[in-house]
Amino acid sequence: MIKLTLNFGHAKALPLALVLLLLVVPNLVLSQASIVSPESVGVSSQRLELIDSMLQQHVHDGRVPGLVAGVSRHGQLVFLKSYGWQDIENKLPMQEDSIFQIRSMSKPITAVAVLQLIDQGKLKLSDQ
């Protein structure tokens, strides 16, 4: 049995979720041409179905008004789906290409990117 837990109820989970999302988005943009079979790149369709139902439940339960989820592996898009509302008041449904305003979240995302460059040896803290 596969058990997967998503918890957006804790305030500290949101920045991490946004960072993870932004780490995945470039792969999704590069591979927008078509969605390939999950198994062709080693991803379980069963697990994607579980994730899909959990995300639907999060929107249904009112935990988030809407979201877009995508999964890619080895540069190949295997899952892309929108859920819920982009604008609840105007009944505008979420779209796969909806634009999100992240505002101050760009600071921790930039920090993570800089730390990754340091880990890869492409940047040093002493660089000017």
N, C-alpha and C. Protein backbone atom coordinates (compact mmCIF):
# COMPACT_ATOMS: atom_id res chain seq x y z
N MET A 1 0.84 -1.18 0.00
CA MET A 1 0.00 0.00 0.00
C MET A 1 0.88 1.24 0.00
N ILE A 2 0.53 2.20 -0.84
CA ILE A 2 1.28 3.45 -0.92
C ILE A 2 0.60 4.47 -0.03
N LYS A 3 1.37 5.10 0.83
CA LYS A 3 0.83 6.16 1.67
C LYS A 3 1.62 7.42 1.41
N LEU A 4 0.92 8.46 1.03
CA LEU A 4 1.54 9.74 0.72
C LEU A 4 0.77 10.80 1.49
N THR A 5 1.47 11.67 2.18
CA THR A 5 0.82 12.69 2.98
C THR A 5 1.25 14.07 2.51
N LEU A 6 0.28 14.93 2.27
CA LEU A 6 0.55 16.33 1.96
C LEU A 6 -0.07 17.15 3.08
N ASN A 7 0.67 18.09 3.61
CA ASN A 7 0.15 18.92 4.68
C ASN A 7 0.50 20.36 4.41
N PHE A 8 -0.50 21.14 4.01
CA PHE A 8 -0.28 22.55 3.77
C PHE A 8 -0.82 23.38 4.93
N GLY A 9 -1.26 22.71 6.00
CA GLY A 9 -1.83 23.42 7.13
C GLY A 9 -0.81 24.17 7.95
N HIS A 10 0.43 23.77 7.93
CA HIS A 10 1.46 24.41 8.73
C HIS A 10 2.13 25.50 7.91
N ALA A 11 2.26 26.68 8.47
CA ALA A 11 2.79 27.84 7.73
C ALA A 11 4.18 27.60 7.17
N LYS A 12 5.00 26.81 7.86
CA LYS A 12 6.37 26.58 7.39
C LYS A 12 6.41 25.67 6.17
N ALA A 13 5.35 24.93 5.91
CA ALA A 13 5.33 24.03 4.77
C ALA A 13 5.15 24.78 3.45
N LEU A 14 4.49 25.94 3.49
CA LEU A 14 4.24 26.69 2.26
C LEU A 14 5.51 27.15 1.58
N PRO A 15 6.47 27.77 2.28
CA PRO A 15 7.71 28.15 1.58
C PRO A 15 8.42 26.95 0.96
N LEU A 16 8.46 25.84 1.66
CA LEU A 16 9.09 24.65 1.11
C LEU A 16 8.35 24.17 -0.13
N ALA A 17 7.03 24.19 -0.07
CA ALA A 17 6.24 23.78 -1.23
C ALA A 17 6.51 24.69 -2.43
N LEU A 18 6.62 25.99 -2.18
CA LEU A 18 6.90 26.91 -3.28
C LEU A 18 8.29 26.70 -3.84
N VAL A 19 9.26 26.45 -2.96
CA VAL A 19 10.63 26.19 -3.44
C VAL A 19 10.64 24.94 -4.30
N LEU A 20 9.99 23.89 -3.84
CA LEU A 20 9.95 22.65 -4.61
C LEU A 20 9.25 22.87 -5.95
N LEU A 21 8.17 23.65 -5.92
CA LEU A 21 7.46 23.94 -7.15
C LEU A 21 8.36 24.65 -8.15
N LEU A 22 9.10 25.64 -7.68
CA LEU A 22 9.95 26.40 -8.58
C LEU A 22 11.15 25.60 -9.05
N LEU A 23 11.53 24.59 -8.32
CA LEU A 23 12.60 23.72 -8.80
C LEU A 23 12.10 22.80 -9.92
N VAL A 24 10.81 22.52 -9.91
CA VAL A 24 10.22 21.63 -10.90
C VAL A 24 9.76 22.39 -12.15
N VAL A 25 9.29 23.62 -11.99
CA VAL A 25 8.70 24.38 -13.09
C VAL A 25 9.60 24.48 -14.32
N PRO A 26 10.90 24.77 -14.17
CA PRO A 26 11.72 24.85 -15.40
C PRO A 26 11.67 23.57 -16.23
N ASN A 27 11.67 22.42 -15.59
CA ASN A 27 11.55 21.16 -16.33
C ASN A 27 10.21 21.05 -17.04
N LEU A 28 9.16 21.53 -16.38
CA LEU A 28 7.84 21.47 -16.99
C LEU A 28 7.77 22.37 -18.21
N VAL A 29 8.33 23.56 -18.11
CA VAL A 29 8.31 24.50 -19.23
C VAL A 29 9.08 23.93 -20.41
N LEU A 30 10.24 23.33 -20.13
CA LEU A 30 11.05 22.78 -21.20
C LEU A 30 10.40 21.58 -21.88
N SER A 31 9.54 20.88 -21.16
CA SER A 31 8.98 19.66 -21.71
C SER A 31 7.48 19.77 -21.98
N GLN A 32 7.00 20.98 -22.28
CA GLN A 32 5.57 21.19 -22.47
C GLN A 32 5.03 20.57 -23.75
N ALA A 33 5.89 20.12 -24.64
CA ALA A 33 5.43 19.62 -25.93
C ALA A 33 4.37 18.54 -25.78
N SER A 34 4.60 17.55 -24.93
CA SER A 34 3.62 16.49 -24.76
C SER A 34 3.87 15.75 -23.46
N ILE A 35 2.82 15.12 -22.99
CA ILE A 35 2.92 14.31 -21.78
C ILE A 35 3.21 12.88 -22.22
N VAL A 36 4.25 12.30 -21.63
CA VAL A 36 4.64 10.93 -21.98
C VAL A 36 4.08 9.96 -20.95
N SER A 37 4.09 8.70 -21.29
CA SER A 37 3.66 7.66 -20.37
C SER A 37 4.54 7.67 -19.13
N PRO A 38 3.95 7.71 -17.94
CA PRO A 38 4.76 7.73 -16.72
C PRO A 38 5.74 6.56 -16.64
N GLU A 39 5.27 5.37 -17.00
CA GLU A 39 6.13 4.19 -16.90
C GLU A 39 7.34 4.27 -17.83
N SER A 40 7.23 5.04 -18.92
CA SER A 40 8.35 5.14 -19.86
C SER A 40 9.56 5.83 -19.26
N VAL A 41 9.35 6.57 -18.17
CA VAL A 41 10.48 7.23 -17.49
C VAL A 41 10.60 6.78 -16.04
N GLY A 42 9.95 5.66 -15.71
CA GLY A 42 10.10 5.09 -14.37
C GLY A 42 9.24 5.71 -13.29
N VAL A 43 8.09 6.25 -13.67
CA VAL A 43 7.16 6.83 -12.69
C VAL A 43 5.92 5.95 -12.64
N SER A 44 5.42 5.71 -11.46
CA SER A 44 4.26 4.85 -11.26
C SER A 44 2.95 5.61 -11.55
N SER A 45 2.15 5.08 -12.48
CA SER A 45 0.83 5.66 -12.75
C SER A 45 -0.06 5.58 -11.52
N GLN A 46 0.09 4.50 -10.76
CA GLN A 46 -0.70 4.32 -9.55
C GLN A 46 -0.39 5.43 -8.55
N ARG A 47 0.87 5.77 -8.40
CA ARG A 47 1.26 6.83 -7.48
C ARG A 47 0.75 8.20 -7.97
N LEU A 48 0.79 8.43 -9.28
CA LEU A 48 0.27 9.68 -9.83
C LEU A 48 -1.24 9.79 -9.60
N GLU A 49 -1.96 8.68 -9.73
CA GLU A 49 -3.40 8.68 -9.46
C GLU A 49 -3.67 9.01 -8.00
N LEU A 50 -2.84 8.49 -7.10
CA LEU A 50 -2.99 8.79 -5.68
C LEU A 50 -2.75 10.27 -5.41
N ILE A 51 -1.69 10.81 -6.00
CA ILE A 51 -1.39 12.24 -5.85
C ILE A 51 -2.54 13.07 -6.40
N ASP A 52 -3.05 12.68 -7.57
CA ASP A 52 -4.17 13.39 -8.18
C ASP A 52 -5.37 13.43 -7.25
N SER A 53 -5.74 12.30 -6.68
CA SER A 53 -6.91 12.26 -5.79
C SER A 53 -6.67 13.06 -4.51
N MET A 54 -5.44 13.04 -4.00
CA MET A 54 -5.13 13.82 -2.80
C MET A 54 -5.21 15.32 -3.08
N LEU A 55 -4.72 15.75 -4.22
CA LEU A 55 -4.78 17.17 -4.57
C LEU A 55 -6.23 17.60 -4.77
N GLN A 56 -7.03 16.75 -5.43
CA GLN A 56 -8.45 17.05 -5.58
C GLN A 56 -9.12 17.20 -4.22
N GLN A 57 -8.76 16.34 -3.28
CA GLN A 57 -9.35 16.39 -1.95
C GLN A 57 -8.95 17.66 -1.20
N HIS A 58 -7.68 18.10 -1.36
CA HIS A 58 -7.23 19.34 -0.71
C HIS A 58 -8.06 20.53 -1.20
N VAL A 59 -8.35 20.57 -2.49
CA VAL A 59 -9.17 21.66 -3.03
C VAL A 59 -10.60 21.51 -2.54
N HIS A 60 -11.14 20.30 -2.60
CA HIS A 60 -12.51 20.05 -2.15
C HIS A 60 -12.70 20.42 -0.68
N ASP A 61 -11.71 20.13 0.15
CA ASP A 61 -11.79 20.42 1.58
C ASP A 61 -11.56 21.90 1.90
N GLY A 62 -11.21 22.70 0.90
CA GLY A 62 -10.99 24.12 1.11
C GLY A 62 -9.62 24.46 1.68
N ARG A 63 -8.69 23.53 1.64
CA ARG A 63 -7.34 23.80 2.15
C ARG A 63 -6.60 24.77 1.24
N VAL A 64 -6.86 24.68 -0.05
CA VAL A 64 -6.32 25.62 -1.03
C VAL A 64 -7.44 25.91 -2.03
N PRO A 65 -7.52 27.15 -2.54
CA PRO A 65 -8.58 27.45 -3.51
C PRO A 65 -8.32 26.81 -4.87
N GLY A 66 -7.05 26.69 -5.22
CA GLY A 66 -6.70 26.10 -6.50
C GLY A 66 -5.21 25.90 -6.60
N LEU A 67 -4.81 25.05 -7.52
CA LEU A 67 -3.38 24.79 -7.71
C LEU A 67 -3.16 24.15 -9.06
N VAL A 68 -1.90 24.16 -9.46
CA VAL A 68 -1.48 23.46 -10.67
C VAL A 68 -0.35 22.53 -10.25
N ALA A 69 -0.46 21.28 -10.63
CA ALA A 69 0.57 20.30 -10.27
C ALA A 69 1.16 19.69 -11.53
N GLY A 70 2.46 19.50 -11.49
CA GLY A 70 3.14 18.88 -12.61
C GLY A 70 4.24 17.98 -12.10
N VAL A 71 4.48 16.91 -12.83
CA VAL A 71 5.56 15.98 -12.48
C VAL A 71 6.34 15.71 -13.76
N SER A 72 7.65 15.87 -13.66
CA SER A 72 8.50 15.51 -14.79
C SER A 72 9.66 14.69 -14.28
N ARG A 73 10.18 13.85 -15.14
CA ARG A 73 11.35 13.05 -14.80
C ARG A 73 12.23 12.94 -16.04
N HIS A 74 13.50 13.17 -15.83
CA HIS A 74 14.47 13.14 -16.94
C HIS A 74 14.04 14.08 -18.07
N GLY A 75 13.47 15.24 -17.68
CA GLY A 75 13.07 16.23 -18.67
C GLY A 75 11.80 15.90 -19.43
N GLN A 76 11.10 14.85 -19.03
CA GLN A 76 9.87 14.43 -19.70
C GLN A 76 8.68 14.67 -18.78
N LEU A 77 7.69 15.37 -19.28
CA LEU A 77 6.48 15.66 -18.52
C LEU A 77 5.59 14.42 -18.49
N VAL A 78 5.22 13.99 -17.28
CA VAL A 78 4.36 12.81 -17.15
C VAL A 78 3.00 13.14 -16.55
N PHE A 79 2.87 14.34 -15.96
CA PHE A 79 1.61 14.71 -15.32
C PHE A 79 1.53 16.22 -15.26
N LEU A 80 0.40 16.77 -15.67
CA LEU A 80 0.15 18.21 -15.56
C LEU A 80 -1.35 18.40 -15.46
N LYS A 81 -1.80 19.01 -14.35
CA LYS A 81 -3.23 19.15 -14.14
C LYS A 81 -3.51 20.36 -13.25
N SER A 82 -4.60 21.05 -13.55
CA SER A 82 -5.03 22.17 -12.72
C SER A 82 -6.24 21.74 -11.89
N TYR A 83 -6.37 22.38 -10.73
CA TYR A 83 -7.44 22.04 -9.79
C TYR A 83 -8.04 23.33 -9.23
N GLY A 84 -9.33 23.35 -9.00
CA GLY A 84 -9.95 24.45 -8.28
C GLY A 84 -10.05 25.74 -9.06
N TRP A 85 -9.92 26.84 -8.29
CA TRP A 85 -10.20 28.17 -8.82
C TRP A 85 -8.98 29.07 -8.81
N GLN A 86 -8.81 29.81 -9.90
CA GLN A 86 -7.81 30.86 -9.96
C GLN A 86 -8.37 32.11 -9.29
N ASP A 87 -9.67 32.35 -9.48
CA ASP A 87 -10.36 33.49 -8.88
C ASP A 87 -11.74 33.00 -8.45
N ILE A 88 -11.90 32.81 -7.14
CA ILE A 88 -13.15 32.25 -6.62
C ILE A 88 -14.32 33.21 -6.84
N GLU A 89 -14.11 34.50 -6.53
CA GLU A 89 -15.20 35.48 -6.63
C GLU A 89 -15.76 35.57 -8.04
N ASN A 90 -14.89 35.52 -9.03
CA ASN A 90 -15.34 35.64 -10.42
C ASN A 90 -15.51 34.28 -11.10
N LYS A 91 -15.45 33.21 -10.32
CA LYS A 91 -15.63 31.84 -10.82
C LYS A 91 -14.72 31.55 -12.02
N LEU A 92 -13.46 31.96 -11.89
CA LEU A 92 -12.47 31.72 -12.94
C LEU A 92 -11.69 30.47 -12.57
N PRO A 93 -11.85 29.39 -13.32
CA PRO A 93 -11.16 28.14 -12.96
C PRO A 93 -9.65 28.25 -13.16
N MET A 94 -8.93 27.48 -12.39
CA MET A 94 -7.48 27.40 -12.52
C MET A 94 -7.17 26.77 -13.87
N GLN A 95 -6.12 27.27 -14.52
CA GLN A 95 -5.66 26.74 -15.80
C GLN A 95 -4.24 26.21 -15.63
N GLU A 96 -3.85 25.31 -16.49
CA GLU A 96 -2.49 24.76 -16.41
C GLU A 96 -1.43 25.83 -16.62
N ASP A 97 -1.79 26.90 -17.32
CA ASP A 97 -0.82 27.97 -17.58
C ASP A 97 -1.09 29.23 -16.74
N SER A 98 -1.84 29.08 -15.64
CA SER A 98 -2.11 30.23 -14.76
C SER A 98 -0.81 30.79 -14.21
N ILE A 99 -0.79 32.11 -14.05
CA ILE A 99 0.39 32.79 -13.50
C ILE A 99 0.13 33.07 -12.03
N PHE A 100 1.11 32.72 -11.19
CA PHE A 100 1.00 32.92 -9.75
C PHE A 100 1.91 34.06 -9.32
N GLN A 101 1.42 34.89 -8.40
CA GLN A 101 2.24 35.95 -7.83
C GLN A 101 2.87 35.40 -6.55
N ILE A 102 4.19 35.36 -6.51
CA ILE A 102 4.85 34.79 -5.34
C ILE A 102 5.40 35.85 -4.40
N ARG A 103 5.46 37.09 -4.87
CA ARG A 103 5.86 38.24 -4.07
C ARG A 103 7.11 37.99 -3.25
N SER A 104 7.03 38.07 -1.94
CA SER A 104 8.23 37.96 -1.09
C SER A 104 8.82 36.57 -1.05
N MET A 105 8.15 35.60 -1.62
CA MET A 105 8.69 34.24 -1.64
C MET A 105 9.91 34.12 -2.55
N SER A 106 10.15 35.14 -3.38
CA SER A 106 11.31 35.07 -4.27
C SER A 106 12.63 35.10 -3.49
N LYS A 107 12.62 35.69 -2.30
CA LYS A 107 13.86 35.76 -1.51
C LYS A 107 14.35 34.37 -1.08
N PRO A 108 13.52 33.55 -0.42
CA PRO A 108 14.02 32.22 -0.05
C PRO A 108 14.30 31.34 -1.26
N ILE A 109 13.57 31.54 -2.34
CA ILE A 109 13.82 30.75 -3.55
C ILE A 109 15.19 31.11 -4.12
N THR A 110 15.49 32.40 -4.15
CA THR A 110 16.81 32.84 -4.61
C THR A 110 17.90 32.30 -3.71
N ALA A 111 17.65 32.30 -2.39
CA ALA A 111 18.64 31.78 -1.45
C ALA A 111 18.93 30.30 -1.72
N VAL A 112 17.89 29.53 -1.98
CA VAL A 112 18.08 28.11 -2.28
C VAL A 112 18.88 27.94 -3.57
N ALA A 113 18.57 28.75 -4.58
CA ALA A 113 19.31 28.67 -5.84
C ALA A 113 20.79 29.01 -5.64
N VAL A 114 21.07 30.03 -4.83
CA VAL A 114 22.46 30.41 -4.55
C VAL A 114 23.17 29.29 -3.80
N LEU A 115 22.51 28.69 -2.83
CA LEU A 115 23.12 27.58 -2.08
C LEU A 115 23.40 26.39 -3.00
N GLN A 116 22.52 26.14 -3.96
CA GLN A 116 22.77 25.06 -4.91
C GLN A 116 24.00 25.36 -5.76
N LEU A 117 24.16 26.61 -6.18
CA LEU A 117 25.34 26.99 -6.96
C LEU A 117 26.61 26.84 -6.13
N ILE A 118 26.53 27.16 -4.85
CA ILE A 118 27.68 26.99 -3.95
C ILE A 118 28.01 25.51 -3.84
N ASP A 119 26.99 24.66 -3.65
CA ASP A 119 27.21 23.21 -3.56
C ASP A 119 27.84 22.65 -4.82
N GLN A 120 27.50 23.22 -5.97
CA GLN A 120 28.03 22.75 -7.25
C GLN A 120 29.40 23.34 -7.56
N GLY A 121 29.88 24.22 -6.68
CA GLY A 121 31.18 24.84 -6.89
C GLY A 121 31.19 25.94 -7.94
N LYS A 122 30.02 26.40 -8.34
CA LYS A 122 29.92 27.44 -9.36
C LYS A 122 29.92 28.85 -8.77
N LEU A 123 29.80 28.92 -7.45
CA LEU A 123 29.76 30.21 -6.77
C LEU A 123 30.38 30.03 -5.39
N LYS A 124 31.08 31.06 -4.93
CA LYS A 124 31.66 31.05 -3.59
C LYS A 124 31.09 32.21 -2.81
N LEU A 125 30.94 32.03 -1.51
CA LEU A 125 30.43 33.12 -0.68
C LEU A 125 31.37 34.32 -0.71
N SER A 126 32.64 34.09 -1.02
CA SER A 126 33.60 35.19 -1.06
C SER A 126 33.61 35.91 -2.41
N ASP A 127 32.84 35.42 -3.41
CA ASP A 127 32.77 36.09 -4.71
C ASP A 127 32.13 37.46 -4.56
N GLN A 128 32.58 38.39 -5.41
CA GLN A 128 32.02 39.74 -5.37
C GLN A 128 31.39 40.10 -6.68
